Amino acid sequence: MKKKSLFGLLVFIVMGCASQRGLDTDSITIQTSPENPYSSLEIEFIKGEAFNHPSFAIWTEDLEGNYIETLYVTQYVAKGQYGHSEIEPGRWTNEPGEARRPATLPYWAHKRGIKAPDGLYIPSSETEVPDALTSATPKSNFMLETATSYSGNKKFRVLMEINQAWDSNRFWTNNKFPGNNDYFGSLQPALVYAVTIDTQNPETEYHLNPIGHSHPTGENGKLFTDLTTLTTAREIAHKIVVRFK
């Protein structure tokens, strides 16, 4: 009887751990409506252990890296309005409002290629993303129901860039770029995930994998493939799955 009880306790503990990690009951469904939808896409996001209200964008490209369209962006980035507004460079308030944070999602922002009046590619109130492609930042796991306008018979890519504010580690410290307020609001740079979709021989599921990180201050749209210095940034997402329909 003692052996059976011990086995039952172990099963209970294992099941509890799995529930906390990947079977979150707070999962929500988000729907976006890109222009001229052709094929449906379903993107499932399972949060990782370091998840703490990150900003992120999801978009498509051809295999040459040419931007096709944005599928989703969290609302703060999409509108240039954040939970902590900026009084002046390096000074924030506890009130929501406008702020310029080019290091948040620079790879996606430069791919989108729309420059704001201040010369930055991160969206502002003048260059905001349409409401049809955004929502409040998910607080946990989510399912994105969307579509792509891509109608060709070639392969294309789905990408996701994700970043968490003030996410430091031993390499990405507060004093790594002294005096650079754009870096200070991010610390570990945004992480970029990608997967290639084969429209002619579609698989049941496609898993996005990290391919690099963005520039730590957001000054350009380059991708840096060395991920050895990133720690908790790689634990924001546990699993990202795309289903092509």
Protein backbone atom coordinates (compact mmCIF):
# COMPACT_ATOMS: atom_id res chain seq x y z
CA MET A 1 0.00 0.00 0.00
CA LYS A 2 2.84 2.39 0.80
CA LYS A 3 4.38 1.81 -2.65
CA LYS A 4 1.04 2.55 -4.34
CA SER A 5 0.58 5.72 -2.29
CA LEU A 6 4.09 6.91 -3.13
CA PHE A 7 3.51 6.23 -6.84
CA GLY A 8 0.22 8.13 -6.73
CA LEU A 9 1.91 11.08 -5.04
CA LEU A 10 4.63 11.18 -7.72
CA VAL A 11 2.02 11.11 -10.50
CA PHE A 12 0.16 13.96 -8.82
CA ILE A 13 3.35 16.06 -8.55
CA VAL A 14 4.32 15.44 -12.19
CA MET A 15 0.83 16.31 -13.40
CA GLY A 16 0.87 19.47 -11.31
CA CYS A 17 4.17 20.59 -12.84
CA ALA A 18 2.87 19.96 -16.36
CA SER A 19 -0.25 21.98 -15.60
CA GLN A 20 1.75 24.98 -14.46
CA ARG A 21 4.09 24.83 -17.44
CA GLY A 22 1.93 24.14 -20.47
CA LEU A 23 -1.73 23.54 -19.67
CA ASP A 24 -2.71 26.98 -18.43
CA THR A 25 -6.48 27.35 -18.09
CA ASP A 26 -6.21 31.11 -18.67
CA SER A 27 -5.42 30.65 -22.37
CA ILE A 28 -7.28 33.09 -24.62
CA THR A 29 -8.08 33.25 -28.33
CA ILE A 30 -7.10 36.33 -30.35
CA GLN A 31 -8.43 36.99 -33.83
CA THR A 32 -6.82 39.37 -36.33
CA SER A 33 -7.85 40.34 -39.85
CA PRO A 34 -4.99 41.10 -42.27
CA GLU A 35 -5.98 42.59 -45.64
CA ASN A 36 -6.93 40.20 -48.47
CA PRO A 37 -6.79 36.95 -46.46
CA TYR A 38 -6.12 33.83 -48.53
CA SER A 39 -5.05 30.99 -46.21
CA SER A 40 -5.91 30.61 -42.54
CA LEU A 41 -3.21 30.37 -39.90
CA GLU A 42 -3.49 29.27 -36.30
CA ILE A 43 -0.61 30.16 -33.99
CA GLU A 44 -0.46 28.67 -30.50
CA PHE A 45 1.80 30.24 -27.88
CA ILE A 46 2.69 28.42 -24.66
CA LYS A 47 4.47 30.63 -22.16
CA GLY A 48 7.81 29.75 -20.59
CA GLU A 49 9.05 30.10 -17.03
CA ALA A 50 10.33 33.67 -17.58
CA PHE A 51 7.12 35.00 -19.17
CA ASN A 52 6.22 38.42 -17.72
CA HIS A 53 3.99 40.45 -20.05
CA PRO A 54 6.35 40.59 -23.05
CA SER A 55 5.83 42.64 -26.20
CA PHE A 56 5.84 40.74 -29.48
CA ALA A 57 5.03 40.86 -33.18
CA ILE A 58 4.16 38.08 -35.64
CA TRP A 59 4.57 38.52 -39.39
CA THR A 60 5.31 36.72 -42.68
CA GLU A 61 8.15 36.92 -45.21
CA ASP A 62 9.17 35.18 -48.40
CA LEU A 63 12.26 32.96 -48.37
CA GLU A 64 14.43 35.87 -49.51
CA GLY A 65 13.56 37.75 -46.34
CA ASN A 66 11.17 40.21 -47.98
CA TYR A 67 8.42 41.38 -45.63
CA ILE A 68 4.89 40.33 -46.66
CA GLU A 69 2.58 41.43 -43.85
CA THR A 70 2.06 41.81 -40.12
CA LEU A 71 -0.30 39.30 -38.54
CA TYR A 72 -0.29 40.58 -34.95
CA VAL A 73 1.41 43.11 -32.65
CA THR A 74 0.81 43.73 -28.96
CA GLN A 75 -1.06 46.97 -28.38
CA TYR A 76 1.61 48.99 -26.58
CA VAL A 77 4.01 48.62 -29.49
CA ALA A 78 1.32 48.89 -32.16
CA LYS A 79 0.16 52.30 -30.90
CA GLY A 80 3.35 53.68 -29.35
CA GLN A 81 1.47 53.95 -26.06
CA TYR A 82 3.03 52.11 -23.11
CA GLY A 83 2.13 51.33 -19.51
CA HIS A 84 4.82 53.77 -18.35
CA SER A 85 4.87 56.99 -20.35
CA GLU A 86 8.10 58.86 -21.01
CA ILE A 87 8.60 62.33 -19.50
CA GLU A 88 11.98 62.76 -21.15
CA PRO A 89 14.73 60.37 -22.31
CA GLY A 90 15.47 58.01 -19.42
CA ARG A 91 12.60 59.18 -17.19
CA TRP A 92 9.26 57.35 -17.01
CA THR A 93 6.06 57.79 -15.04
CA ASN A 94 3.73 55.17 -13.58
CA GLU A 95 0.97 56.42 -15.85
CA PRO A 96 0.29 54.99 -19.33
CA GLY A 97 1.10 57.20 -22.29
CA GLU A 98 3.32 57.77 -25.28
CA ALA A 99 6.94 56.61 -25.25
CA ARG A 100 9.60 55.88 -27.86
CA ARG A 101 11.22 52.50 -27.33
CA PRO A 102 13.07 51.48 -30.51
CA ALA A 103 14.79 48.52 -28.81
CA THR A 104 11.48 46.80 -28.10
CA LEU A 105 10.96 45.03 -31.46
CA PRO A 106 13.51 46.51 -33.87
CA TYR A 107 13.82 43.57 -36.27
CA TRP A 108 10.08 43.57 -37.04
CA ALA A 109 9.88 47.38 -37.06
CA HIS A 110 12.63 47.70 -39.67
CA LYS A 111 11.10 44.89 -41.74
CA ARG A 112 7.76 46.72 -41.69
CA GLY A 113 9.69 49.70 -43.02
CA ILE A 114 7.42 52.57 -41.95
CA LYS A 115 9.42 55.47 -40.52
CA ALA A 116 7.85 57.77 -37.92
CA PRO A 117 8.37 61.56 -38.04
CA ASP A 118 11.18 61.26 -35.47
CA GLY A 119 13.09 58.90 -37.79
CA LEU A 120 12.41 55.72 -35.79
CA TYR A 121 10.77 52.63 -37.27
CA ILE A 122 9.02 51.56 -34.08
CA PRO A 123 5.34 52.66 -34.43
CA SER A 124 4.23 56.04 -33.10
CA SER A 125 0.78 57.63 -32.95
CA GLU A 126 1.39 58.80 -36.55
CA THR A 127 2.44 55.36 -37.85
CA GLU A 128 0.40 53.06 -35.63
CA VAL A 129 -0.63 49.53 -36.61
CA PRO A 130 -4.34 49.10 -37.52
CA ASP A 131 -6.70 47.92 -34.77
CA ALA A 132 -7.48 44.79 -36.81
CA LEU A 133 -3.96 43.51 -36.11
CA THR A 134 -3.57 44.18 -32.41
CA SER A 135 -4.98 43.57 -28.93
CA ALA A 136 -4.02 44.05 -25.31
CA THR A 137 -0.93 42.08 -24.34
CA PRO A 138 -1.92 38.49 -23.46
CA LYS A 139 -1.35 37.66 -19.80
CA SER A 140 -0.68 33.99 -20.46
CA ASN A 141 -0.98 31.34 -23.18
CA PHE A 142 -2.96 32.26 -26.27
CA MET A 143 -4.21 31.05 -29.64
CA LEU A 144 -3.96 33.50 -32.54
CA GLU A 145 -6.50 32.91 -35.31
CA THR A 146 -5.41 34.88 -38.36
CA ALA A 147 -4.73 34.56 -42.09
CA THR A 148 -2.12 35.37 -44.68
CA SER A 149 -2.63 37.11 -48.00
CA TYR A 150 0.16 34.99 -49.51
CA SER A 151 -1.41 33.04 -52.38
CA GLY A 152 1.64 31.64 -54.16
CA ASN A 153 2.65 28.00 -54.33
CA LYS A 154 6.11 28.65 -52.90
CA LYS A 155 7.25 28.33 -49.33
CA PHE A 156 7.04 31.29 -46.97
CA ARG A 157 8.11 32.03 -43.41
CA VAL A 158 6.27 32.93 -40.22
CA LEU A 159 8.34 34.94 -37.73
CA MET A 160 7.87 36.17 -34.19
CA GLU A 161 9.94 38.73 -32.32
CA ILE A 162 9.51 38.88 -28.55
CA ASN A 163 11.00 41.10 -25.85
CA GLN A 164 10.59 41.77 -22.15
CA ALA A 165 11.41 45.14 -20.60
CA TRP A 166 14.26 45.53 -18.10
CA ASP A 167 15.32 41.89 -18.55
CA SER A 168 18.96 41.85 -17.42
CA ASN A 169 21.48 39.06 -16.91
CA ARG A 170 25.22 38.83 -16.22
CA PHE A 171 26.10 39.80 -19.79
CA TRP A 172 23.33 42.31 -20.56
CA THR A 173 23.78 44.57 -17.55
CA ASN A 174 22.53 48.10 -16.85
CA ASN A 175 25.93 49.61 -17.63
CA LYS A 176 26.69 47.75 -20.88
CA PHE A 177 25.76 50.80 -22.99
CA PRO A 178 26.32 53.75 -20.60
CA GLY A 179 23.90 56.61 -21.17
CA ASN A 180 21.87 54.76 -23.81
CA ASN A 181 18.27 54.97 -22.61
CA ASP A 182 16.96 52.89 -25.51
CA TYR A 183 19.07 49.96 -24.33
CA PHE A 184 18.26 50.52 -20.66
CA GLY A 185 14.54 49.92 -21.25
CA SER A 186 15.21 46.49 -22.74
CA LEU A 187 18.59 45.04 -21.59
CA GLN A 188 18.53 41.52 -23.09
CA PRO A 189 17.63 42.17 -26.74
CA ALA A 190 14.52 40.94 -28.51
CA LEU A 191 14.59 37.30 -29.58
CA VAL A 192 13.47 36.31 -33.09
CA TYR A 193 11.79 32.98 -33.93
CA ALA A 194 10.97 31.61 -37.39
CA VAL A 195 9.67 28.60 -39.31
CA THR A 196 9.21 27.84 -43.02
CA ILE A 197 5.75 26.86 -44.25
CA ASP A 198 5.52 24.54 -47.29
CA THR A 199 2.19 25.30 -48.96
CA GLN A 200 2.47 22.35 -51.35
CA ASN A 201 3.25 19.74 -48.70
CA PRO A 202 1.86 21.20 -45.50
CA GLU A 203 2.63 19.54 -42.19
CA THR A 204 0.14 19.22 -39.35
CA GLU A 205 2.17 21.55 -37.17
CA TYR A 206 5.20 23.79 -37.58
CA HIS A 207 7.32 24.72 -34.56
CA LEU A 208 9.02 28.11 -34.46
CA ASN A 209 12.65 28.07 -33.34
CA PRO A 210 14.96 30.95 -32.33
CA ILE A 211 17.14 32.21 -35.19
CA GLY A 212 18.81 35.25 -33.60
CA HIS A 213 18.35 38.44 -31.65
CA SER A 214 17.82 42.07 -32.60
CA HIS A 215 20.12 45.02 -32.07
CA PRO A 216 20.21 45.78 -28.32
CA THR A 217 19.53 49.50 -28.77
CA GLY A 218 17.28 49.17 -31.81
CA GLU A 219 19.49 51.37 -33.97
CA ASN A 220 19.17 49.04 -36.97
CA GLY A 221 17.25 46.04 -38.26
CA LYS A 222 20.09 43.53 -38.30
CA LEU A 223 19.76 39.98 -36.99
CA PHE A 224 22.52 38.62 -34.73
CA THR A 225 22.66 34.82 -34.70
CA ASP A 226 24.80 34.30 -31.58
CA LEU A 227 22.36 33.49 -28.78
CA THR A 228 24.86 32.31 -26.17
CA THR A 229 24.50 35.47 -24.05
CA LEU A 230 20.71 35.25 -23.77
CA THR A 231 19.26 33.48 -20.73
CA THR A 232 15.78 34.36 -19.46
CA ALA A 233 14.96 35.87 -22.85
CA ARG A 234 15.00 32.31 -24.21
CA GLU A 235 12.55 31.20 -21.50
CA ILE A 236 9.77 33.69 -22.27
CA ALA A 237 8.25 31.19 -24.70
CA HIS A 238 8.07 27.45 -24.06
CA LYS A 239 6.48 26.51 -27.39
CA ILE A 240 5.19 28.35 -30.47
CA VAL A 241 3.25 26.28 -33.00
CA VAL A 242 1.83 27.27 -36.40
CA ARG A 243 -0.95 25.38 -38.16
CA PHE A 244 -1.50 26.18 -41.84
CA LYS A 245 -5.02 25.64 -43.16
